[in-house]
Amino acid sequence: TAMGRLLNEDGEPISLLTGRATEVANPEREALTVFTNREGKFGITGLRPGKWRIEMLDDRKSVFDITIANEAEGAVKVGDLTARKGQ
């Protein structure tokens, strides 16, 4: 499980929205659904080690990249993530 907070390019929370998390090395696999609360906090379960791309369904189609380490177990706190520029 990865937990953190999603922020747009201006540093504001992406609140009360959904998106999807896709494994970068295996994009053909079914994406996982992401939900944010009012503060932009999220939790995604079922992530395997590797690189993941989160694409949110906000006006800007915000994109985030996270990496789950091979040795990660249980909950992984990724902190505040700011959307990539130019999305």
PDB file of N, CA and C in Angstrom:
ATOM      1  N   THR A   1       0.843  -1.185   0.000  1.00  0.00           N
ATOM      2  CA  THR A   1       0.000   0.000   0.000  1.00  0.00           C
ATOM      3  C   THR A   1       0.879   1.236   0.000  1.00  0.00           C
ATOM      4  N   ALA A   2       0.606   2.150  -0.921  1.00  0.00           N
ATOM      5  CA  ALA A   2       1.299   3.444  -0.951  1.00  0.00           C
ATOM      6  C   ALA A   2       0.340   4.496  -0.428  1.00  0.00           C
ATOM      7  N   MET A   3       0.851   5.375   0.438  1.00  0.00           N
ATOM      8  CA  MET A   3       0.031   6.445   1.000  1.00  0.00           C
ATOM      9  C   MET A   3       0.766   7.767   0.860  1.00  0.00           C
ATOM     10  N   GLY A   4       0.005   8.816   0.569  1.00  0.00           N
ATOM     11  CA  GLY A   4       0.606  10.128   0.439  1.00  0.00           C
ATOM     12  C   GLY A   4      -0.457  11.170   0.148  1.00  0.00           C
ATOM     13  N   ARG A   5      -0.022  12.267  -0.432  1.00  0.00           N
ATOM     14  CA  ARG A   5      -0.930  13.359  -0.775  1.00  0.00           C
ATOM     15  C   ARG A   5      -0.563  13.873  -2.159  1.00  0.00           C
ATOM     16  N   LEU A   6      -1.576  14.098  -2.997  1.00  0.00           N
ATOM     17  CA  LEU A   6      -1.362  14.578  -4.365  1.00  0.00           C
ATOM     18  C   LEU A   6      -1.653  16.067  -4.440  1.00  0.00           C
ATOM     19  N   LEU A   7      -0.682  16.802  -5.001  1.00  0.00           N
ATOM     20  CA  LEU A   7      -0.799  18.249  -5.159  1.00  0.00           C
ATOM     21  C   LEU A   7      -0.664  18.613  -6.629  1.00  0.00           C
ATOM     22  N   ASN A   8      -1.420  19.621  -7.075  1.00  0.00           N
ATOM     23  CA  ASN A   8      -1.282  20.069  -8.462  1.00  0.00           C
ATOM     24  C   ASN A   8      -0.013  20.903  -8.603  1.00  0.00           C
ATOM     25  N   GLU A   9       0.258  21.403  -9.787  1.00  0.00           N
ATOM     26  CA  GLU A   9       1.476  22.171 -10.045  1.00  0.00           C
ATOM     27  C   GLU A   9       1.591  23.410  -9.176  1.00  0.00           C
ATOM     28  N   ASP A  10       0.454  23.923  -8.701  1.00  0.00           N
ATOM     29  CA  ASP A  10       0.445  25.116  -7.849  1.00  0.00           C
ATOM     30  C   ASP A  10       0.562  24.775  -6.368  1.00  0.00           C
ATOM     31  N   GLY A  11       0.693  23.488  -6.048  1.00  0.00           N
ATOM     32  CA  GLY A  11       0.830  23.060  -4.673  1.00  0.00           C
ATOM     33  C   GLY A  11      -0.488  22.903  -3.923  1.00  0.00           C
ATOM     34  N   GLU A  12      -1.593  22.948  -4.656  1.00  0.00           N
ATOM     35  CA  GLU A  12      -2.910  22.787  -4.036  1.00  0.00           C
ATOM     36  C   GLU A  12      -3.320  21.316  -4.087  1.00  0.00           C
ATOM     37  N   PRO A  13      -4.010  20.827  -3.046  1.00  0.00           N
ATOM     38  CA  PRO A  13      -4.434  19.424  -3.038  1.00  0.00           C
ATOM     39  C   PRO A  13      -5.382  19.100  -4.185  1.00  0.00           C
ATOM     40  N   ILE A  14      -5.207  17.935  -4.755  1.00  0.00           N
ATOM     41  CA  ILE A  14      -6.148  17.412  -5.737  1.00  0.00           C
ATOM     42  C   ILE A  14      -7.180  16.653  -4.907  1.00  0.00           C
ATOM     43  N   SER A  15      -8.301  17.315  -4.630  1.00  0.00           N
ATOM     44  CA  SER A  15      -9.229  16.776  -3.650  1.00  0.00           C
ATOM     45  C   SER A  15     -10.489  16.190  -4.266  1.00  0.00           C
ATOM     46  N   LEU A  16     -10.935  15.113  -3.621  1.00  0.00           N
ATOM     47  CA  LEU A  16     -12.191  14.447  -3.951  1.00  0.00           C
ATOM     48  C   LEU A  16     -12.297  14.043  -5.415  1.00  0.00           C
ATOM     49  N   LEU A  17     -11.227  13.442  -5.920  1.00  0.00           N
ATOM     50  CA  LEU A  17     -11.205  12.984  -7.312  1.00  0.00           C
ATOM     51  C   LEU A  17     -10.700  11.551  -7.394  1.00  0.00           C
ATOM     52  N   THR A  18     -10.897  10.965  -8.562  1.00  0.00           N
ATOM     53  CA  THR A  18     -10.380   9.624  -8.823  1.00  0.00           C
ATOM     54  C   THR A  18      -9.330   9.693  -9.921  1.00  0.00           C
ATOM     55  N   GLY A  19      -8.591   8.617 -10.026  1.00  0.00           N
ATOM     56  CA  GLY A  19      -7.589   8.487 -11.066  1.00  0.00           C
ATOM     57  C   GLY A  19      -7.209   7.028 -11.177  1.00  0.00           C
ATOM     58  N   ARG A  20      -6.078   6.777 -11.831  1.00  0.00           N
ATOM     59  CA  ARG A  20      -5.638   5.392 -11.986  1.00  0.00           C
ATOM     60  C   ARG A  20      -4.128   5.306 -11.846  1.00  0.00           C
ATOM     61  N   ALA A  21      -3.683   4.185 -11.325  1.00  0.00           N
ATOM     62  CA  ALA A  21      -2.257   3.907 -11.164  1.00  0.00           C
ATOM     63  C   ALA A  21      -1.910   2.748 -12.082  1.00  0.00           C
ATOM     64  N   THR A  22      -0.901   2.967 -12.929  1.00  0.00           N
ATOM     65  CA  THR A  22      -0.480   1.972 -13.905  1.00  0.00           C
ATOM     66  C   THR A  22       0.980   1.615 -13.670  1.00  0.00           C
ATOM     67  N   GLU A  23       1.274   0.319 -13.708  1.00  0.00           N
ATOM     68  CA  GLU A  23       2.656  -0.130 -13.577  1.00  0.00           C
ATOM     69  C   GLU A  23       3.394   0.206 -14.874  1.00  0.00           C
ATOM     70  N   VAL A  24       4.444   1.019 -14.781  1.00  0.00           N
ATOM     71  CA  VAL A  24       5.154   1.503 -15.975  1.00  0.00           C
ATOM     72  C   VAL A  24       5.720   0.348 -16.801  1.00  0.00           C
ATOM     73  N   ALA A  25       6.274  -0.668 -16.158  1.00  0.00           N
ATOM     74  CA  ALA A  25       6.883  -1.796 -16.883  1.00  0.00           C
ATOM     75  C   ALA A  25       5.843  -2.729 -17.493  1.00  0.00           C
ATOM     76  N   ASN A  26       4.599  -2.664 -17.030  1.00  0.00           N
ATOM     77  CA  ASN A  26       3.539  -3.545 -17.517  1.00  0.00           C
ATOM     78  C   ASN A  26       2.245  -2.760 -17.736  1.00  0.00           C
ATOM     79  N   PRO A  27       2.247  -1.816 -18.669  1.00  0.00           N
ATOM     80  CA  PRO A  27       1.071  -0.961 -18.853  1.00  0.00           C
ATOM     81  C   PRO A  27      -0.176  -1.706 -19.332  1.00  0.00           C
ATOM     82  N   GLU A  28       0.003  -2.931 -19.837  1.00  0.00           N
ATOM     83  CA  GLU A  28      -1.144  -3.707 -20.311  1.00  0.00           C
ATOM     84  C   GLU A  28      -1.953  -4.304 -19.155  1.00  0.00           C
ATOM     85  N   ARG A  29      -1.349  -4.338 -17.980  1.00  0.00           N
ATOM     86  CA  ARG A  29      -2.074  -4.842 -16.805  1.00  0.00           C
ATOM     87  C   ARG A  29      -3.142  -3.849 -16.392  1.00  0.00           C
ATOM     88  N   GLU A  30      -4.182  -4.368 -15.773  1.00  0.00           N
ATOM     89  CA  GLU A  30      -5.284  -3.518 -15.339  1.00  0.00           C
ATOM     90  C   GLU A  30      -4.805  -2.460 -14.348  1.00  0.00           C
ATOM     91  N   ALA A  31      -5.230  -1.218 -14.582  1.00  0.00           N
ATOM     92  CA  ALA A  31      -4.854  -0.112 -13.693  1.00  0.00           C
ATOM     93  C   ALA A  31      -5.600  -0.228 -12.370  1.00  0.00           C
ATOM     94  N   LEU A  32      -4.986   0.320 -11.324  1.00  0.00           N
ATOM     95  CA  LEU A  32      -5.609   0.371 -10.005  1.00  0.00           C
ATOM     96  C   LEU A  32      -6.274   1.729  -9.829  1.00  0.00           C
ATOM     97  N   THR A  33      -7.412   1.745  -9.170  1.00  0.00           N
ATOM     98  CA  THR A  33      -8.133   2.998  -8.958  1.00  0.00           C
ATOM     99  C   THR A  33      -7.559   3.746  -7.763  1.00  0.00           C
ATOM    100  N   VAL A  34      -7.443   5.072  -7.929  1.00  0.00           N
ATOM    101  CA  VAL A  34      -6.947   5.965  -6.882  1.00  0.00           C
ATOM    102  C   VAL A  34      -8.063   6.934  -6.517  1.00  0.00           C
ATOM    103  N   PHE A  35      -8.260   7.157  -5.216  1.00  0.00           N
ATOM    104  CA  PHE A  35      -9.227   8.142  -4.724  1.00  0.00           C
ATOM    105  C   PHE A  35      -8.480   9.117  -3.819  1.00  0.00           C
ATOM    106  N   THR A  36      -8.852  10.387  -3.855  1.00  0.00           N
ATOM    107  CA  THR A  36      -8.291  11.348  -2.913  1.00  0.00           C
ATOM    108  C   THR A  36      -9.398  11.884  -2.011  1.00  0.00           C
ATOM    109  N   ASN A  37      -9.010  12.241  -0.785  1.00  0.00           N
ATOM    110  CA  ASN A  37      -9.972  12.868   0.106  1.00  0.00           C
ATOM    111  C   ASN A  37      -9.889  14.391  -0.048  1.00  0.00           C
ATOM    112  N   ARG A  38     -10.559  15.110   0.803  1.00  0.00           N
ATOM    113  CA  ARG A  38     -10.609  16.576   0.695  1.00  0.00           C
ATOM    114  C   ARG A  38      -9.217  17.214   0.755  1.00  0.00           C
ATOM    115  N   GLU A  39      -8.294  16.605   1.511  1.00  0.00           N
ATOM    116  CA  GLU A  39      -6.931  17.147   1.643  1.00  0.00           C
ATOM    117  C   GLU A  39      -5.977  16.628   0.572  1.00  0.00           C
ATOM    118  N   GLY A  40      -6.477  15.805  -0.357  1.00  0.00           N
ATOM    119  CA  GLY A  40      -5.640  15.247  -1.406  1.00  0.00           C
ATOM    120  C   GLY A  40      -4.931  13.965  -1.007  1.00  0.00           C
ATOM    121  N   LYS A  41      -5.241  13.440   0.179  1.00  0.00           N
ATOM    122  CA  LYS A  41      -4.591  12.209   0.641  1.00  0.00           C
ATOM    123  C   LYS A  41      -5.159  10.997  -0.097  1.00  0.00           C
ATOM    124  N   PHE A  42      -4.276  10.021  -0.336  1.00  0.00           N
ATOM    125  CA  PHE A  42      -4.680   8.808  -1.041  1.00  0.00           C
ATOM    126  C   PHE A  42      -4.008   7.591  -0.420  1.00  0.00           C
ATOM    127  N   GLY A  43      -4.532   6.437  -0.735  1.00  0.00           N
ATOM    128  CA  GLY A  43      -3.929   5.159  -0.390  1.00  0.00           C
ATOM    129  C   GLY A  43      -4.229   4.199  -1.534  1.00  0.00           C
ATOM    130  N   ILE A  44      -3.203   3.537  -2.045  1.00  0.00           N
ATOM    131  CA  ILE A  44      -3.384   2.580  -3.145  1.00  0.00           C
ATOM    132  C   ILE A  44      -2.864   1.228  -2.673  1.00  0.00           C
ATOM    133  N   THR A  45      -3.726   0.227  -2.686  1.00  0.00           N
ATOM    134  CA  THR A  45      -3.292  -1.113  -2.304  1.00  0.00           C
ATOM    135  C   THR A  45      -3.041  -1.951  -3.554  1.00  0.00           C
ATOM    136  N   GLY A  46      -2.198  -2.943  -3.416  1.00  0.00           N
ATOM    137  CA  GLY A  46      -1.934  -3.866  -4.520  1.00  0.00           C
ATOM    138  C   GLY A  46      -0.778  -3.478  -5.413  1.00  0.00           C
ATOM    139  N   LEU A  47       0.061  -2.529  -4.977  1.00  0.00           N
ATOM    140  CA  LEU A  47       1.208  -2.132  -5.794  1.00  0.00           C
ATOM    141  C   LEU A  47       2.363  -3.111  -5.601  1.00  0.00           C
ATOM    142  N   ARG A  48       2.890  -3.580  -6.699  1.00  0.00           N
ATOM    143  CA  ARG A  48       4.080  -4.432  -6.664  1.00  0.00           C
ATOM    144  C   ARG A  48       5.300  -3.529  -6.727  1.00  0.00           C
ATOM    145  N   PRO A  49       6.480  -4.050  -6.355  1.00  0.00           N
ATOM    146  CA  PRO A  49       7.694  -3.242  -6.484  1.00  0.00           C
ATOM    147  C   PRO A  49       7.890  -2.799  -7.935  1.00  0.00           C
ATOM    148  N   GLY A  50       8.395  -1.594  -8.098  1.00  0.00           N
ATOM    149  CA  GLY A  50       8.659  -1.033  -9.417  1.00  0.00           C
ATOM    150  C   GLY A  50       8.138   0.383  -9.535  1.00  0.00           C
ATOM    151  N   LYS A  51       8.157   0.884 -10.779  1.00  0.00           N
ATOM    152  CA  LYS A  51       7.698   2.255 -11.038  1.00  0.00           C
ATOM    153  C   LYS A  51       6.228   2.255 -11.421  1.00  0.00           C
ATOM    154  N   TRP A  52       5.507   3.243 -10.878  1.00  0.00           N
ATOM    155  CA  TRP A  52       4.077   3.400 -11.121  1.00  0.00           C
ATOM    156  C   TRP A  52       3.785   4.823 -11.552  1.00  0.00           C
ATOM    157  N   ARG A  53       2.811   4.969 -12.426  1.00  0.00           N
ATOM    158  CA  ARG A  53       2.360   6.293 -12.876  1.00  0.00           C
ATOM    159  C   ARG A  53       0.920   6.474 -12.419  1.00  0.00           C
ATOM    160  N   ILE A  54       0.669   7.577 -11.734  1.00  0.00           N
ATOM    161  CA  ILE A  54      -0.677   7.930 -11.292  1.00  0.00           C
ATOM    162  C   ILE A  54      -1.178   9.045 -12.195  1.00  0.00           C
ATOM    163  N   GLU A  55      -2.338   8.828 -12.804  1.00  0.00           N
ATOM    164  CA  GLU A  55      -2.968   9.836 -13.661  1.00  0.00           C
ATOM    165  C   GLU A  55      -4.320  10.172 -13.052  1.00  0.00           C
ATOM    166  N   MET A  56      -4.479  11.433 -12.668  1.00  0.00           N
ATOM    167  CA  MET A  56      -5.715  11.863 -12.028  1.00  0.00           C
ATOM    168  C   MET A  56      -6.660  12.482 -13.056  1.00  0.00           C
ATOM    169  N   LEU A  57      -7.943  12.457 -12.742  1.00  0.00           N
ATOM    170  CA  LEU A  57      -8.969  12.973 -13.656  1.00  0.00           C
ATOM    171  C   LEU A  57      -9.376  14.401 -13.305  1.00  0.00           C
ATOM    172  N   ASP A  58      -8.391  15.236 -12.948  1.00  0.00           N
ATOM    173  CA  ASP A  58      -8.662  16.647 -12.706  1.00  0.00           C
ATOM    174  C   ASP A  58      -8.578  17.412 -14.026  1.00  0.00           C
ATOM    175  N   ASP A  59      -8.850  18.716 -14.004  1.00  0.00           N
ATOM    176  CA  ASP A  59      -8.831  19.537 -15.233  1.00  0.00           C
ATOM    177  C   ASP A  59      -7.492  19.463 -15.953  1.00  0.00           C
ATOM    178  N   ARG A  60      -6.417  19.372 -15.193  1.00  0.00           N
ATOM    179  CA  ARG A  60      -5.063  19.401 -15.765  1.00  0.00           C
ATOM    180  C   ARG A  60      -4.551  18.007 -16.122  1.00  0.00           C
ATOM    181  N   LYS A  61      -5.328  16.970 -15.809  1.00  0.00           N
ATOM    182  CA  LYS A  61      -4.891  15.589 -16.041  1.00  0.00           C
ATOM    183  C   LYS A  61      -3.518  15.364 -15.395  1.00  0.00           C
ATOM    184  N   SER A  62      -3.427  15.702 -14.115  1.00  0.00           N
ATOM    185  CA  SER A  62      -2.175  15.651 -13.359  1.00  0.00           C
ATOM    186  C   SER A  62      -1.574  14.246 -13.355  1.00  0.00           C
ATOM    187  N   VAL A  63      -0.245  14.192 -13.506  1.00  0.00           N
ATOM    188  CA  VAL A  63       0.485  12.926 -13.563  1.00  0.00           C
ATOM    189  C   VAL A  63       1.574  12.930 -12.493  1.00  0.00           C
ATOM    190  N   PHE A  64       1.717  11.783 -11.817  1.00  0.00           N
ATOM    191  CA  PHE A  64       2.696  11.600 -10.757  1.00  0.00           C
ATOM    192  C   PHE A  64       3.405  10.276 -10.986  1.00  0.00           C
ATOM    193  N   ASP A  65       4.671  10.204 -10.614  1.00  0.00           N
ATOM    194  CA  ASP A  65       5.432   8.960 -10.700  1.00  0.00           C
ATOM    195  C   ASP A  65       5.898   8.578  -9.308  1.00  0.00           C
ATOM    196  N   ILE A  66       5.729   7.303  -8.953  1.00  0.00           N
ATOM    197  CA  ILE A  66       6.236   6.802  -7.683  1.00  0.00           C
ATOM    198  C   ILE A  66       6.984   5.506  -7.940  1.00  0.00           C
ATOM    199  N   THR A  67       7.906   5.188  -7.044  1.00  0.00           N
ATOM    200  CA  THR A  67       8.655   3.937  -7.124  1.00  0.00           C
ATOM    201  C   THR A  67       8.477   3.190  -5.816  1.00  0.00           C
ATOM    202  N   ILE A  68       8.110   1.929  -5.937  1.00  0.00           N
ATOM    203  CA  ILE A  68       8.004   1.044  -4.783  1.00  0.00           C
ATOM    204  C   ILE A  68       9.256   0.170  -4.781  1.00  0.00           C
ATOM    205  N   ALA A  69      10.034   0.273  -3.717  1.00  0.00           N
ATOM    206  CA  ALA A  69      11.302  -0.468  -3.618  1.00  0.00           C
ATOM    207  C   ALA A  69      11.053  -1.970  -3.513  1.00  0.00           C
ATOM    208  N   ASN A  70      12.014  -2.753  -4.009  1.00  0.00           N
ATOM    209  CA  ASN A  70      11.909  -4.216  -3.950  1.00  0.00           C
ATOM    210  C   ASN A  70      11.747  -4.725  -2.526  1.00  0.00           C
ATOM    211  N   GLU A  71      12.399  -4.067  -1.581  1.00  0.00           N
ATOM    212  CA  GLU A  71      12.359  -4.531  -0.194  1.00  0.00           C
ATOM    213  C   GLU A  71      11.192  -3.944   0.605  1.00  0.00           C
ATOM    214  N   ALA A  72      10.334  -3.176  -0.047  1.00  0.00           N
ATOM    215  CA  ALA A  72       9.204  -2.547   0.650  1.00  0.00           C
ATOM    216  C   ALA A  72       8.214  -3.597   1.144  1.00  0.00           C
ATOM    217  N   GLU A  73       7.740  -3.404   2.363  1.00  0.00           N
ATOM    218  CA  GLU A  73       6.737  -4.290   2.946  1.00  0.00           C
ATOM    219  C   GLU A  73       5.680  -3.433   3.622  1.00  0.00           C
ATOM    220  N   GLY A  74       4.449  -3.865   3.532  1.00  0.00           N
ATOM    221  CA  GLY A  74       3.374  -3.137   4.208  1.00  0.00           C
ATOM    222  C   GLY A  74       3.116  -1.786   3.580  1.00  0.00           C
ATOM    223  N   ALA A  75       2.895  -0.788   4.428  1.00  0.00           N
ATOM    224  CA  ALA A  75       2.571   0.558   3.955  1.00  0.00           C
ATOM    225  C   ALA A  75       3.844   1.334   3.618  1.00  0.00           C
ATOM    226  N   VAL A  76       3.823   1.978   2.454  1.00  0.00           N
ATOM    227  CA  VAL A  76       4.934   2.820   2.002  1.00  0.00           C
ATOM    228  C   VAL A  76       4.431   4.259   1.972  1.00  0.00           C
ATOM    229  N   LYS A  77       5.031   5.112   2.785  1.00  0.00           N
ATOM    230  CA  LYS A  77       4.630   6.521   2.829  1.00  0.00           C
ATOM    231  C   LYS A  77       5.450   7.292   1.802  1.00  0.00           C
ATOM    232  N   VAL A  78       4.766   7.862   0.804  1.00  0.00           N
ATOM    233  CA  VAL A  78       5.457   8.600  -0.255  1.00  0.00           C
ATOM    234  C   VAL A  78       5.401  10.104  -0.032  1.00  0.00           C
ATOM    235  N   GLY A  79       4.676  10.554   0.994  1.00  0.00           N
ATOM    236  CA  GLY A  79       4.618  11.976   1.324  1.00  0.00           C
ATOM    237  C   GLY A  79       3.815  12.775   0.315  1.00  0.00           C
ATOM    238  N   ASP A  80       4.144  14.071   0.218  1.00  0.00           N
ATOM    239  CA  ASP A  80       3.471  14.962  -0.724  1.00  0.00           C
ATOM    240  C   ASP A  80       4.097  14.812  -2.105  1.00  0.00           C
ATOM    241  N   LEU A  81       3.255  14.580  -3.103  1.00  0.00           N
ATOM    242  CA  LEU A  81       3.716  14.460  -4.485  1.00  0.00           C
ATOM    243  C   LEU A  81       3.124  15.614  -5.279  1.00  0.00           C
ATOM    244  N   THR A  82       3.984  16.314  -6.019  1.00  0.00           N
ATOM    245  CA  THR A  82       3.523  17.421  -6.860  1.00  0.00           C
ATOM    246  C   THR A  82       3.488  16.953  -8.305  1.00  0.00           C
ATOM    247  N   ALA A  83       2.423  17.325  -9.009  1.00  0.00           N
ATOM    248  CA  ALA A  83       2.244  16.915 -10.408  1.00  0.00           C
ATOM    249  C   ALA A  83       3.437  17.350 -11.257  1.00  0.00           C
ATOM    250  N   ARG A  84       3.747  16.524 -12.246  1.00  0.00           N
ATOM    251  CA  ARG A  84       4.825  16.855 -13.183  1.00  0.00           C
ATOM    252  C   ARG A  84       4.436  18.107 -13.956  1.00  0.00           C
ATOM    253  N   LYS A  85       5.401  18.927 -14.255  1.00  0.00           N
ATOM    254  CA  LYS A  85       5.176  20.157 -15.022  1.00  0.00           C
ATOM    255  C   LYS A  85       4.811  19.824 -16.461  1.00  0.00           C
ATOM    256  N   GLY A  86       3.961  20.663 -17.052  1.00  0.00           N
ATOM    257  CA  GLY A  86       3.617  20.516 -18.460  1.00  0.00           C
ATOM    258  C   GLY A  86       2.577  19.487 -18.749  1.00  0.00           C
ATOM    259  N   GLN A  87       1.867  19.025 -17.764  1.00  0.00           N
ATOM    260  CA  GLN A  87       0.825  18.023 -17.993  1.00  0.00           C
ATOM    261  C   GLN A  87      -0.485  18.701 -18.278  1.00  0.00           C
TER     262      GLN A  87
END
